[in-house]
Amino acid sequence: MGITLAGSEHAVPTILIIDDEPAIAEVVAEVLLDEGYETLTANRGRDALDIMAEHRPDLMLLDVYMPEMSGLDLLAHIQGDAALSLIPVVVMTAGTMSELDLSRTGAAQVISKPFNVDDLIATVRTLV
């Protein structure tokens, strides 16, 4: 589901960016806005759940290391919800995750921080 722009025949994909560092979330949002995507941001896992209750993003970019509710805890919650589990999730981490770890999380892709903007855009294009 995307947000339809007035006068447009095509839905614009919506990306939910979840990162406890507001500056990172803002930079990623600006990059994706420049590419023509709609963006939503959350700085905590609980905020992300509130946003997902109202808006169904087409893709989520999720930081792993967050206080209160880690990205992996949020991902487990998402995977336990039949509707939310259909949304592809890209895990963003400054740590390392092996392909085995990735398959256990249910994430579609992992992006290492700091990330290359072109790689981020290519990943988003592939998944939406």
C-alpha atoms as a PDB file:
ATOM      1  CA  MET A   1       0.000   0.000   0.000  1.00  0.00           C
ATOM      2  CA  GLY A   2       1.343   3.428  -0.842  1.00  0.00           C
ATOM      3  CA  ILE A   3       0.114   6.967  -0.661  1.00  0.00           C
ATOM      4  CA  THR A   4      -1.472   8.073  -3.915  1.00  0.00           C
ATOM      5  CA  LEU A   5      -0.426  11.501  -5.062  1.00  0.00           C
ATOM      6  CA  ALA A   6      -3.130  13.786  -6.390  1.00  0.00           C
ATOM      7  CA  GLY A   7      -3.304  13.569 -10.157  1.00  0.00           C
ATOM      8  CA  SER A   8      -1.091  10.491 -10.245  1.00  0.00           C
ATOM      9  CA  GLU A   9      -2.123   7.091 -11.523  1.00  0.00           C
ATOM     10  CA  HIS A  10       0.633   5.384  -9.542  1.00  0.00           C
ATOM     11  CA  ALA A  11       0.949   4.802  -5.826  1.00  0.00           C
ATOM     12  CA  VAL A  12       4.065   6.250  -4.243  1.00  0.00           C
ATOM     13  CA  PRO A  13       5.783   3.680  -2.017  1.00  0.00           C
ATOM     14  CA  THR A  14       6.006   4.602   1.651  1.00  0.00           C
ATOM     15  CA  ILE A  15       9.144   3.767   3.622  1.00  0.00           C
ATOM     16  CA  LEU A  16       9.153   3.642   7.434  1.00  0.00           C
ATOM     17  CA  ILE A  17      12.591   4.501   8.845  1.00  0.00           C
ATOM     18  CA  ILE A  18      13.148   3.358  12.426  1.00  0.00           C
ATOM     19  CA  ASP A  19      16.373   4.566  14.043  1.00  0.00           C
ATOM     20  CA  ASP A  20      17.044   5.898  17.540  1.00  0.00           C
ATOM     21  CA  GLU A  21      19.452   8.468  16.073  1.00  0.00           C
ATOM     22  CA  PRO A  22      17.199  11.256  14.742  1.00  0.00           C
ATOM     23  CA  ALA A  23      19.980  12.615  12.501  1.00  0.00           C
ATOM     24  CA  ILE A  24      20.342   9.255  10.738  1.00  0.00           C
ATOM     25  CA  ALA A  25      16.586   8.873  10.307  1.00  0.00           C
ATOM     26  CA  GLU A  26      16.386  12.407   8.874  1.00  0.00           C
ATOM     27  CA  VAL A  27      19.246  11.865   6.419  1.00  0.00           C
ATOM     28  CA  VAL A  28      17.764   8.579   5.186  1.00  0.00           C
ATOM     29  CA  ALA A  29      14.335  10.215   4.877  1.00  0.00           C
ATOM     30  CA  GLU A  30      15.769  13.105   2.839  1.00  0.00           C
ATOM     31  CA  VAL A  31      17.620  10.724   0.511  1.00  0.00           C
ATOM     32  CA  LEU A  32      14.454   8.713  -0.083  1.00  0.00           C
ATOM     33  CA  LEU A  33      12.268  11.809  -0.482  1.00  0.00           C
ATOM     34  CA  ASP A  34      14.685  13.007  -3.160  1.00  0.00           C
ATOM     35  CA  GLU A  35      14.166   9.646  -4.902  1.00  0.00           C
ATOM     36  CA  GLY A  36      10.383  10.161  -4.909  1.00  0.00           C
ATOM     37  CA  TYR A  37       9.364   7.987  -1.961  1.00  0.00           C
ATOM     38  CA  GLU A  38       7.065   8.962   0.895  1.00  0.00           C
ATOM     39  CA  THR A  39       8.748   8.529   4.277  1.00  0.00           C
ATOM     40  CA  LEU A  40       7.713   8.083   7.880  1.00  0.00           C
ATOM     41  CA  THR A  41      10.202   8.084  10.753  1.00  0.00           C
ATOM     42  CA  ALA A  42      10.258   6.695  14.275  1.00  0.00           C
ATOM     43  CA  ASN A  43      13.016   6.888  16.860  1.00  0.00           C
ATOM     44  CA  ARG A  44      11.726   4.071  19.094  1.00  0.00           C
ATOM     45  CA  GLY A  45      10.225   0.663  18.460  1.00  0.00           C
ATOM     46  CA  ARG A  46       6.982   1.528  20.250  1.00  0.00           C
ATOM     47  CA  ASP A  47       6.597   4.657  18.101  1.00  0.00           C
ATOM     48  CA  ALA A  48       7.062   2.492  15.012  1.00  0.00           C
ATOM     49  CA  LEU A  49       4.271   0.177  16.164  1.00  0.00           C
ATOM     50  CA  ASP A  50       1.978   3.190  16.640  1.00  0.00           C
ATOM     51  CA  ILE A  51       2.785   4.419  13.129  1.00  0.00           C
ATOM     52  CA  MET A  52       2.167   0.956  11.655  1.00  0.00           C
ATOM     53  CA  ALA A  53      -1.240   0.871  13.351  1.00  0.00           C
ATOM     54  CA  GLU A  54      -2.251   3.880  11.229  1.00  0.00           C
ATOM     55  CA  HIS A  55      -0.115   3.550   8.099  1.00  0.00           C
ATOM     56  CA  ARG A  56       0.942   0.447   6.237  1.00  0.00           C
ATOM     57  CA  PRO A  57       4.439   1.102   4.848  1.00  0.00           C
ATOM     58  CA  ASP A  58       5.692  -0.695   1.758  1.00  0.00           C
ATOM     59  CA  LEU A  59       9.131  -1.167   3.305  1.00  0.00           C
ATOM     60  CA  MET A  60      10.786  -0.698   6.694  1.00  0.00           C
ATOM     61  CA  LEU A  61      14.380   0.332   7.345  1.00  0.00           C
ATOM     62  CA  LEU A  62      15.139  -0.806  10.880  1.00  0.00           C
ATOM     63  CA  ASP A  63      18.102  -0.061  13.138  1.00  0.00           C
ATOM     64  CA  VAL A  64      19.148  -3.046  15.261  1.00  0.00           C
ATOM     65  CA  TYR A  65      20.586  -1.274  18.292  1.00  0.00           C
ATOM     66  CA  MET A  66      17.895   0.828  19.944  1.00  0.00           C
ATOM     67  CA  PRO A  67      17.006   1.365  23.621  1.00  0.00           C
ATOM     68  CA  GLU A  68      13.812   0.032  25.208  1.00  0.00           C
ATOM     69  CA  MET A  69      12.886  -2.220  22.278  1.00  0.00           C
ATOM     70  CA  SER A  70      15.745  -3.385  20.079  1.00  0.00           C
ATOM     71  CA  GLY A  71      15.313  -3.629  16.353  1.00  0.00           C
ATOM     72  CA  LEU A  72      15.435  -7.418  16.614  1.00  0.00           C
ATOM     73  CA  ASP A  73      12.680  -7.378  19.271  1.00  0.00           C
ATOM     74  CA  LEU A  74      10.588  -5.138  17.016  1.00  0.00           C
ATOM     75  CA  LEU A  75      11.286  -7.424  14.075  1.00  0.00           C
ATOM     76  CA  ALA A  76      10.128 -10.441  16.096  1.00  0.00           C
ATOM     77  CA  HIS A  77       6.907  -8.563  16.909  1.00  0.00           C
ATOM     78  CA  ILE A  78       6.425  -7.683  13.227  1.00  0.00           C
ATOM     79  CA  GLN A  79       7.028 -11.291  12.159  1.00  0.00           C
ATOM     80  CA  GLY A  80       4.394 -12.416  14.680  1.00  0.00           C
ATOM     81  CA  ASP A  81       1.724 -10.241  13.053  1.00  0.00           C
ATOM     82  CA  ALA A  82       0.252 -11.768   9.898  1.00  0.00           C
ATOM     83  CA  ALA A  83      -0.338  -8.431   8.135  1.00  0.00           C
ATOM     84  CA  LEU A  84       2.923  -6.749   9.171  1.00  0.00           C
ATOM     85  CA  SER A  85       5.033  -9.812   8.379  1.00  0.00           C
ATOM     86  CA  LEU A  86       4.323  -9.261   4.670  1.00  0.00           C
ATOM     87  CA  ILE A  87       6.199  -5.944   4.699  1.00  0.00           C
ATOM     88  CA  PRO A  88       9.872  -6.323   3.720  1.00  0.00           C
ATOM     89  CA  VAL A  89      12.330  -5.155   6.370  1.00  0.00           C
ATOM     90  CA  VAL A  90      15.882  -3.963   5.775  1.00  0.00           C
ATOM     91  CA  VAL A  91      17.995  -4.156   8.910  1.00  0.00           C
ATOM     92  CA  MET A  92      20.492  -1.318   9.351  1.00  0.00           C
ATOM     93  CA  THR A  93      23.349  -2.026  11.735  1.00  0.00           C
ATOM     94  CA  ALA A  94      26.744  -0.722  12.733  1.00  0.00           C
ATOM     95  CA  GLY A  95      27.479  -4.249  13.948  1.00  0.00           C
ATOM     96  CA  THR A  96      27.873  -7.351  11.836  1.00  0.00           C
ATOM     97  CA  MET A  97      25.190  -9.827  10.902  1.00  0.00           C
ATOM     98  CA  SER A  98      25.948 -12.990   9.004  1.00  0.00           C
ATOM     99  CA  GLU A  99      23.632 -14.413   6.369  1.00  0.00           C
ATOM    100  CA  LEU A 100      22.635 -17.060   8.926  1.00  0.00           C
ATOM    101  CA  ASP A 101      21.672 -14.350  11.420  1.00  0.00           C
ATOM    102  CA  LEU A 102      19.734 -12.583   8.662  1.00  0.00           C
ATOM    103  CA  SER A 103      17.712 -15.684   7.815  1.00  0.00           C
ATOM    104  CA  ARG A 104      16.778 -16.075  11.498  1.00  0.00           C
ATOM    105  CA  THR A 105      15.416 -12.518  11.733  1.00  0.00           C
ATOM    106  CA  GLY A 106      13.158 -12.705   8.710  1.00  0.00           C
ATOM    107  CA  ALA A 107      14.711  -9.503   7.336  1.00  0.00           C
ATOM    108  CA  ALA A 108      14.922  -9.144   3.572  1.00  0.00           C
ATOM    109  CA  GLN A 109      18.344  -7.452   3.598  1.00  0.00           C
ATOM    110  CA  VAL A 110      21.047  -6.029   5.869  1.00  0.00           C
ATOM    111  CA  ILE A 111      22.748  -2.680   5.299  1.00  0.00           C
ATOM    112  CA  SER A 112      25.890  -1.892   7.292  1.00  0.00           C
ATOM    113  CA  LYS A 113      26.326   1.549   8.820  1.00  0.00           C
ATOM    114  CA  PRO A 114      27.823   3.748   7.685  1.00  0.00           C
ATOM    115  CA  PHE A 115      26.095   2.915   4.433  1.00  0.00           C
ATOM    116  CA  ASN A 116      26.669   3.945   0.863  1.00  0.00           C
ATOM    117  CA  VAL A 117      23.731   6.076  -0.337  1.00  0.00           C
ATOM    118  CA  ASP A 118      23.718   4.410  -3.768  1.00  0.00           C
ATOM    119  CA  ASP A 119      23.544   0.966  -2.112  1.00  0.00           C
ATOM    120  CA  LEU A 120      20.667   2.137   0.087  1.00  0.00           C
ATOM    121  CA  ILE A 121      18.723   3.446  -2.911  1.00  0.00           C
ATOM    122  CA  ALA A 122      19.385   0.265  -4.907  1.00  0.00           C
ATOM    123  CA  THR A 123      18.181  -1.890  -2.011  1.00  0.00           C
ATOM    124  CA  VAL A 124      15.004   0.146  -1.600  1.00  0.00           C
ATOM    125  CA  ARG A 125      14.284   0.035  -5.346  1.00  0.00           C
ATOM    126  CA  THR A 126      14.726  -3.740  -5.363  1.00  0.00           C
ATOM    127  CA  LEU A 127      12.326  -4.318  -2.466  1.00  0.00           C
ATOM    128  CA  VAL A 128       9.444  -1.931  -3.273  1.00  0.00           C
END
